[in-house]
Amino acid sequence: MIKYRLRCACSNEFEAWFQSSTACDAQVQGEQVACPRCGSHDVDKAIMAPNVAACGNRQDEPCPPPAATPKELRQLVRNIHRSLVKNAENVGTRFADEARKIHYQEAKARGIYGQASSEDARALVDEGIDILALPSLPEDAN
């Protein structure tokens, strides 16, 4: 896995993990990567500095406060959710079966989302199938 710093057309910067440099390039070119702030698919790699640990770094220093307000975080979750739903197929309760078919190349590779029981989700992870729970939106609780 490799982490890249990315920048959208609006100059928002964010980070994302990819399996390889080739996977990053393919997903960016295929418009499968979107800015979490504005939703833009016009994304490029940004300049990155290597992560080099300085001698004597203190591990017990307190973490800085979050850079985003709760309102900004809710909007970020909405944007991520909107982008995921827009760019993937809803397979409903067939999620676990479809994820396996894609993983074992019995179905075409594509983004999917749907419902899975916690047991099915654990079984997928145990099989080495990468899954991610979609964040629920604040308005979903109403």
C-alpha atoms as a PDB file:
ATOM      1  CA  MET A   1       0.000   0.000   0.000  1.00  0.00           C
ATOM      2  CA  ILE A   2       1.137   3.517  -0.769  1.00  0.00           C
ATOM      3  CA  LYS A   3      -0.234   6.849   0.417  1.00  0.00           C
ATOM      4  CA  TYR A   4      -0.426   9.771  -2.000  1.00  0.00           C
ATOM      5  CA  ARG A   5      -1.220  13.404  -1.394  1.00  0.00           C
ATOM      6  CA  LEU A   6      -3.730  14.471  -4.036  1.00  0.00           C
ATOM      7  CA  ARG A   7      -5.020  17.872  -5.190  1.00  0.00           C
ATOM      8  CA  CYS A   8      -8.301  18.650  -6.968  1.00  0.00           C
ATOM      9  CA  ALA A   9      -9.009  21.409  -9.491  1.00  0.00           C
ATOM     10  CA  CYS A  10     -10.177  23.650  -6.602  1.00  0.00           C
ATOM     11  CA  SER A  11      -6.724  23.245  -4.958  1.00  0.00           C
ATOM     12  CA  ASN A  12      -8.092  21.152  -2.078  1.00  0.00           C
ATOM     13  CA  GLU A  13      -5.469  18.693  -0.880  1.00  0.00           C
ATOM     14  CA  PHE A  14      -6.225  15.289   0.626  1.00  0.00           C
ATOM     15  CA  GLU A  15      -4.548  11.914   1.068  1.00  0.00           C
ATOM     16  CA  ALA A  16      -5.548   8.497  -0.196  1.00  0.00           C
ATOM     17  CA  TRP A  17      -4.105   4.977  -0.031  1.00  0.00           C
ATOM     18  CA  PHE A  18      -3.595   2.824  -3.131  1.00  0.00           C
ATOM     19  CA  GLN A  19      -2.329  -0.668  -3.782  1.00  0.00           C
ATOM     20  CA  SER A  20       0.413   0.701  -6.062  1.00  0.00           C
ATOM     21  CA  SER A  21       1.448   3.723  -8.092  1.00  0.00           C
ATOM     22  CA  THR A  22      -0.145   2.098 -11.154  1.00  0.00           C
ATOM     23  CA  ALA A  23      -3.403   1.575  -9.259  1.00  0.00           C
ATOM     24  CA  CYS A  24      -3.410   5.233  -8.232  1.00  0.00           C
ATOM     25  CA  ASP A  25      -2.862   6.400 -11.812  1.00  0.00           C
ATOM     26  CA  ALA A  26      -5.574   4.079 -13.156  1.00  0.00           C
ATOM     27  CA  GLN A  27      -8.140   5.165 -10.551  1.00  0.00           C
ATOM     28  CA  VAL A  28      -7.397   8.873 -11.062  1.00  0.00           C
ATOM     29  CA  GLN A  29      -7.603   8.525 -14.868  1.00  0.00           C
ATOM     30  CA  GLY A  30     -10.803   6.461 -14.549  1.00  0.00           C
ATOM     31  CA  GLU A  31     -12.345   9.223 -12.389  1.00  0.00           C
ATOM     32  CA  GLN A  32     -12.747   6.797  -9.491  1.00  0.00           C
ATOM     33  CA  VAL A  33     -11.130   9.272  -7.083  1.00  0.00           C
ATOM     34  CA  ALA A  34     -13.059  12.342  -5.944  1.00  0.00           C
ATOM     35  CA  CYS A  35     -12.170  15.262  -3.720  1.00  0.00           C
ATOM     36  CA  PRO A  36     -13.872  14.751  -0.339  1.00  0.00           C
ATOM     37  CA  ARG A  37     -14.556  18.499  -0.039  1.00  0.00           C
ATOM     38  CA  CYS A  38     -15.956  19.468  -3.460  1.00  0.00           C
ATOM     39  CA  GLY A  39     -16.575  16.078  -5.116  1.00  0.00           C
ATOM     40  CA  SER A  40     -14.437  16.951  -8.168  1.00  0.00           C
ATOM     41  CA  HIS A  41     -12.939  14.056 -10.134  1.00  0.00           C
ATOM     42  CA  ASP A  42     -10.323  16.401 -11.651  1.00  0.00           C
ATOM     43  CA  VAL A  43      -7.572  15.119  -9.323  1.00  0.00           C
ATOM     44  CA  ASP A  44      -3.776  14.960  -9.665  1.00  0.00           C
ATOM     45  CA  LYS A  45      -0.927  13.870  -7.418  1.00  0.00           C
ATOM     46  CA  ALA A  46       0.444  16.719  -5.312  1.00  0.00           C
ATOM     47  CA  ILE A  47       4.061  17.227  -4.313  1.00  0.00           C
ATOM     48  CA  MET A  48       4.940  15.060  -1.324  1.00  0.00           C
ATOM     49  CA  ALA A  49       7.816  15.155   1.129  1.00  0.00           C
ATOM     50  CA  PRO A  50       9.240  11.862   2.335  1.00  0.00           C
ATOM     51  CA  ASN A  51       8.184  10.812   5.818  1.00  0.00           C
ATOM     52  CA  VAL A  52      11.478  10.832   7.720  1.00  0.00           C
ATOM     53  CA  ALA A  53      11.417  10.552  11.492  1.00  0.00           C
ATOM     54  CA  ALA A  54      13.556  13.160  13.213  1.00  0.00           C
ATOM     55  CA  CYS A  55      15.813  12.056  16.030  1.00  0.00           C
ATOM     56  CA  GLY A  56      14.249  12.672  19.421  1.00  0.00           C
ATOM     57  CA  ASN A  57      10.594  13.002  18.340  1.00  0.00           C
ATOM     58  CA  ARG A  58       8.377  12.867  21.415  1.00  0.00           C
ATOM     59  CA  GLN A  59       5.609  10.279  21.289  1.00  0.00           C
ATOM     60  CA  ASP A  60       3.798  11.683  24.328  1.00  0.00           C
ATOM     61  CA  GLU A  61       2.975  15.098  22.832  1.00  0.00           C
ATOM     62  CA  PRO A  62      -0.774  15.813  22.721  1.00  0.00           C
ATOM     63  CA  CYS A  63      -2.553  15.674  19.376  1.00  0.00           C
ATOM     64  CA  PRO A  64      -3.580  19.029  17.920  1.00  0.00           C
ATOM     65  CA  PRO A  65      -7.314  19.779  17.819  1.00  0.00           C
ATOM     66  CA  PRO A  66      -9.153  18.721  14.639  1.00  0.00           C
ATOM     67  CA  ALA A  67      -8.861  21.163  11.766  1.00  0.00           C
ATOM     68  CA  ALA A  68     -12.540  20.833  10.809  1.00  0.00           C
ATOM     69  CA  THR A  69     -15.674  21.880  12.651  1.00  0.00           C
ATOM     70  CA  PRO A  70     -18.482  19.349  13.253  1.00  0.00           C
ATOM     71  CA  LYS A  71     -20.494  21.062  10.511  1.00  0.00           C
ATOM     72  CA  GLU A  72     -17.577  20.685   8.066  1.00  0.00           C
ATOM     73  CA  LEU A  73     -17.145  17.034   9.054  1.00  0.00           C
ATOM     74  CA  ARG A  74     -20.845  16.318   8.408  1.00  0.00           C
ATOM     75  CA  GLN A  75     -20.538  17.916   4.962  1.00  0.00           C
ATOM     76  CA  LEU A  76     -17.411  15.876   4.290  1.00  0.00           C
ATOM     77  CA  VAL A  77     -19.284  12.658   5.157  1.00  0.00           C
ATOM     78  CA  ARG A  78     -22.141  13.741   2.849  1.00  0.00           C
ATOM     79  CA  ASN A  79     -19.697  14.393  -0.021  1.00  0.00           C
ATOM     80  CA  ILE A  80     -17.942  11.047   0.450  1.00  0.00           C
ATOM     81  CA  HIS A  81     -21.267   9.202   0.618  1.00  0.00           C
ATOM     82  CA  ARG A  82     -22.608  11.022  -2.475  1.00  0.00           C
ATOM     83  CA  SER A  83     -19.453  10.211  -4.456  1.00  0.00           C
ATOM     84  CA  LEU A  84     -19.442   6.536  -3.442  1.00  0.00           C
ATOM     85  CA  VAL A  85     -23.126   6.058  -4.275  1.00  0.00           C
ATOM     86  CA  LYS A  86     -22.794   7.956  -7.570  1.00  0.00           C
ATOM     87  CA  ASN A  87     -19.850   5.853  -8.760  1.00  0.00           C
ATOM     88  CA  ALA A  88     -20.928   2.388  -7.635  1.00  0.00           C
ATOM     89  CA  GLU A  89     -23.747  -0.091  -8.227  1.00  0.00           C
ATOM     90  CA  ASN A  90     -26.276  -0.810  -5.478  1.00  0.00           C
ATOM     91  CA  VAL A  91     -26.475  -4.611  -5.262  1.00  0.00           C
ATOM     92  CA  GLY A  92     -28.673  -4.584  -2.146  1.00  0.00           C
ATOM     93  CA  THR A  93     -28.617  -7.726  -0.036  1.00  0.00           C
ATOM     94  CA  ARG A  94     -26.477  -9.537  -2.646  1.00  0.00           C
ATOM     95  CA  PHE A  95     -23.434  -7.518  -1.523  1.00  0.00           C
ATOM     96  CA  ALA A  96     -21.415 -10.401  -0.049  1.00  0.00           C
ATOM     97  CA  ASP A  97     -22.069 -12.656  -3.060  1.00  0.00           C
ATOM     98  CA  GLU A  98     -21.215  -9.917  -5.577  1.00  0.00           C
ATOM     99  CA  ALA A  99     -18.055  -8.915  -3.675  1.00  0.00           C
ATOM    100  CA  ARG A 100     -16.860 -12.535  -3.779  1.00  0.00           C
ATOM    101  CA  LYS A 101     -17.634 -12.847  -7.514  1.00  0.00           C
ATOM    102  CA  ILE A 102     -15.637  -9.688  -8.230  1.00  0.00           C
ATOM    103  CA  HIS A 103     -12.769 -10.760  -5.972  1.00  0.00           C
ATOM    104  CA  TYR A 104     -12.523 -14.201  -7.583  1.00  0.00           C
ATOM    105  CA  GLN A 105     -12.917 -12.662 -11.077  1.00  0.00           C
ATOM    106  CA  GLU A 106     -16.246 -14.381 -11.721  1.00  0.00           C
ATOM    107  CA  ALA A 107     -17.829 -10.974 -12.416  1.00  0.00           C
ATOM    108  CA  LYS A 108     -16.475  -7.766 -13.934  1.00  0.00           C
ATOM    109  CA  ALA A 109     -14.580  -5.493 -11.567  1.00  0.00           C
ATOM    110  CA  ARG A 110     -16.684  -2.514 -10.512  1.00  0.00           C
ATOM    111  CA  GLY A 111     -17.588  -0.499  -7.474  1.00  0.00           C
ATOM    112  CA  ILE A 112     -20.536  -1.894  -5.550  1.00  0.00           C
ATOM    113  CA  TYR A 113     -22.414  -1.148  -2.369  1.00  0.00           C
ATOM    114  CA  GLY A 114     -25.266  -2.784  -0.500  1.00  0.00           C
ATOM    115  CA  GLN A 115     -26.105  -4.518   2.747  1.00  0.00           C
ATOM    116  CA  ALA A 116     -24.268  -7.338   4.483  1.00  0.00           C
ATOM    117  CA  SER A 117     -24.684  -8.860   7.907  1.00  0.00           C
ATOM    118  CA  SER A 118     -21.805  -8.425  10.329  1.00  0.00           C
ATOM    119  CA  GLU A 119     -21.057 -12.158   9.927  1.00  0.00           C
ATOM    120  CA  ASP A 120     -20.891 -11.834   6.127  1.00  0.00           C
ATOM    121  CA  ALA A 121     -18.688  -8.739   6.418  1.00  0.00           C
ATOM    122  CA  ARG A 122     -16.282 -10.561   8.769  1.00  0.00           C
ATOM    123  CA  ALA A 123     -16.170 -13.560   6.402  1.00  0.00           C
ATOM    124  CA  LEU A 124     -15.312 -11.280   3.459  1.00  0.00           C
ATOM    125  CA  VAL A 125     -12.461  -9.682   5.418  1.00  0.00           C
ATOM    126  CA  ASP A 126     -11.227 -13.132   6.514  1.00  0.00           C
ATOM    127  CA  GLU A 127     -11.117 -14.142   2.832  1.00  0.00           C
ATOM    128  CA  GLY A 128      -8.921 -11.132   2.062  1.00  0.00           C
ATOM    129  CA  ILE A 129     -11.685  -9.190   0.298  1.00  0.00           C
ATOM    130  CA  ASP A 130     -11.364  -5.453   0.926  1.00  0.00           C
ATOM    131  CA  ILE A 131     -14.639  -3.862   1.995  1.00  0.00           C
ATOM    132  CA  LEU A 132     -15.526  -0.570   3.609  1.00  0.00           C
ATOM    133  CA  ALA A 133     -18.695   0.387   5.450  1.00  0.00           C
ATOM    134  CA  LEU A 134     -20.377   3.449   3.987  1.00  0.00           C
ATOM    135  CA  PRO A 135     -20.697   6.176   6.615  1.00  0.00           C
ATOM    136  CA  SER A 136     -24.282   6.872   7.580  1.00  0.00           C
ATOM    137  CA  LEU A 137     -25.529  10.371   6.967  1.00  0.00           C
ATOM    138  CA  PRO A 138     -26.878  12.497   9.820  1.00  0.00           C
ATOM    139  CA  GLU A 139     -30.225  12.802   8.029  1.00  0.00           C
ATOM    140  CA  ASP A 140     -30.496   8.975   7.864  1.00  0.00           C
ATOM    141  CA  ALA A 141     -31.224   8.995  11.607  1.00  0.00           C
ATOM    142  CA  ASN A 142     -34.426  11.015  11.094  1.00  0.00           C
END
